[in-house]
Protein backbone atom coordinates (compact mmCIF):
# COMPACT_ATOMS: atom_id res chain seq x y z
CA MET A 1 8.07 -25.76 88.75
CA THR A 2 9.27 -29.35 89.16
CA ARG A 3 9.84 -31.48 86.27
CA THR A 4 7.31 -34.20 85.55
CA ARG A 5 7.96 -37.28 84.12
CA ARG A 6 5.57 -38.54 81.20
CA GLY A 7 4.05 -42.05 81.42
CA TYR A 8 6.22 -45.11 79.90
CA ILE A 9 3.66 -46.32 77.47
CA ALA A 10 4.59 -43.97 74.66
CA ASN A 11 8.39 -44.80 75.26
CA ARG A 12 7.45 -48.37 75.22
CA ARG A 13 5.63 -48.08 72.02
CA ARG A 14 8.43 -46.02 70.35
CA THR A 15 11.13 -48.51 71.74
CA LYS A 16 9.02 -51.45 69.99
CA ILE A 17 8.78 -49.67 66.69
CA CYS A 18 12.54 -48.81 66.87
CA SER A 19 13.32 -52.48 67.27
CA LEU A 20 11.58 -53.26 64.04
CA ALA A 21 13.18 -50.35 62.24
CA SER A 22 16.87 -50.51 63.53
CA HIS A 23 18.22 -51.89 60.21
CA PHE A 24 16.65 -48.96 58.19
CA GLY A 25 19.07 -46.21 56.80
CA GLY A 26 19.40 -42.66 57.95
CA ALA A 27 16.56 -41.04 59.72
CA ARG A 28 14.44 -43.79 59.18
CA SER A 29 16.01 -45.69 61.78
CA ARG A 30 15.94 -42.56 64.33
CA LEU A 31 13.05 -40.61 64.10
CA THR A 32 9.69 -41.96 65.33
CA ARG A 33 7.38 -40.70 62.36
CA SER A 34 10.04 -41.89 59.70
CA MET A 35 9.96 -45.47 61.37
CA ILE A 36 6.26 -45.66 61.48
CA GLN A 37 6.02 -44.63 57.84
CA GLN A 38 8.83 -46.85 56.63
CA LYS A 39 7.56 -50.01 58.63
CA ILE A 40 4.11 -49.62 57.26
CA ARG A 41 5.70 -49.30 53.84
CA ALA A 42 8.07 -52.34 54.43
CA LEU A 43 5.13 -54.85 55.79
CA ALA A 44 2.90 -53.71 52.67
CA SER A 45 6.12 -54.53 50.58
CA ALA A 46 6.67 -57.93 52.45
CA ALA A 47 3.01 -59.04 51.57
CA ARG A 48 3.23 -57.96 48.03
CA ASP A 49 6.45 -59.96 47.40
CA ARG A 50 5.13 -63.15 49.18
CA ASP A 51 2.28 -63.36 46.61
CA GLY A 52 5.03 -62.63 43.54
CA GLN A 53 7.21 -65.39 45.06
CA LYS A 54 4.40 -67.94 44.83
CA ARG A 55 4.01 -66.97 40.87
CA ASN A 56 7.78 -67.08 40.36
CA PHE A 57 7.87 -70.70 41.93
CA ARG A 58 5.14 -71.68 40.09
CA ARG A 59 6.69 -70.62 36.89
CA LEU A 60 10.05 -72.25 37.86
CA TRP A 61 8.29 -75.26 38.17
CA VAL A 62 6.57 -75.23 35.03
CA THR A 63 9.76 -74.47 33.28
CA ARG A 64 11.65 -77.31 34.85
CA ILE A 65 8.76 -79.80 34.11
CA ASN A 66 8.46 -78.72 30.54
CA ALA A 67 12.38 -79.02 29.93
CA VAL A 68 12.26 -82.47 30.98
CA ILE A 69 9.60 -83.82 28.97
CA ARG A 70 10.72 -82.18 25.85
CA GLU A 71 13.61 -84.20 25.78
CA ASN A 72 14.12 -86.72 23.07
CA ARG A 73 12.47 -89.55 24.73
CA ILE A 74 9.10 -87.97 25.12
CA SER A 75 7.38 -85.77 22.45
CA ILE A 76 4.73 -84.25 24.63
CA LYS A 77 3.83 -80.84 25.54
CA TYR A 78 3.66 -79.74 29.31
CA ASN A 79 -0.35 -78.83 28.77
CA ARG A 80 -1.09 -82.31 27.44
CA LEU A 81 0.77 -83.89 30.24
CA ILE A 82 -1.11 -81.81 32.89
CA ASN A 83 -4.25 -82.27 31.14
CA ASN A 84 -3.94 -86.11 31.22
CA LEU A 85 -2.88 -86.09 34.67
CA TYR A 86 -6.06 -84.52 35.56
CA LYS A 87 -8.02 -86.80 33.34
CA ARG A 88 -6.41 -89.91 35.28
CA LYS A 89 -7.27 -88.39 38.39
CA LEU A 90 -3.09 -88.51 39.64
CA LEU A 91 -2.77 -85.87 42.41
CA LEU A 92 0.74 -84.76 41.58
CA ASN A 93 1.20 -80.95 41.71
CA ARG A 94 3.48 -79.01 39.72
CA LYS A 95 6.27 -78.66 42.91
CA ILE A 96 6.26 -82.22 43.33
CA LEU A 97 6.65 -83.02 39.49
CA ALA A 98 9.42 -80.57 39.28
CA GLN A 99 11.27 -82.21 42.16
CA MET A 100 10.85 -85.63 40.15
CA ALA A 101 12.10 -84.12 36.99
CA ILE A 102 15.16 -82.67 38.96
CA LEU A 103 16.38 -85.99 41.11
CA ASN A 104 15.04 -88.75 38.95
CA SER A 105 13.79 -87.85 35.28
CA ASN A 106 13.00 -91.60 34.74
CA CYS A 107 10.02 -91.37 36.97
CA ILE A 108 8.36 -88.59 34.81
CA PHE A 109 9.34 -90.58 31.85
CA THR A 110 7.43 -93.48 33.17
CA ILE A 111 4.47 -91.57 34.37
CA SER A 112 4.06 -89.79 31.14
CA LYS A 113 4.14 -93.11 29.18
CA ASN A 114 1.58 -94.75 31.49
CA ILE A 115 -0.51 -91.64 30.91
CA LEU A 116 -0.21 -91.81 27.10
CA ASN A 117 -0.50 -95.63 26.64
CA PRO A 118 -2.86 -96.67 29.47
CA ALA A 119 -2.60 -100.56 29.86
């Protein structure tokens, strides 16, 4: 009996999975079933860690803002500052405030003094 060649669709699918799993170690980069399982796990971990990254950055921004406003020139707490920002309808999110705290802390002092003592 002559040898018949299988279709190319399965090989194409395995090649595509192999290109995603080429940096995995051991059998996870060589065996098709292991590659598929590891790819599913990697994609799930990536989705989970993107959410964690958002949480971590927000914590970092809050810490930076709090560190700058608790210096000697201003005696105000972080939650009072954010509350007063919302009351005055100043649309500055925590990321922008943290960048201002690092690059130009005088701007934070000016904003907080204007919030505390409106003219």
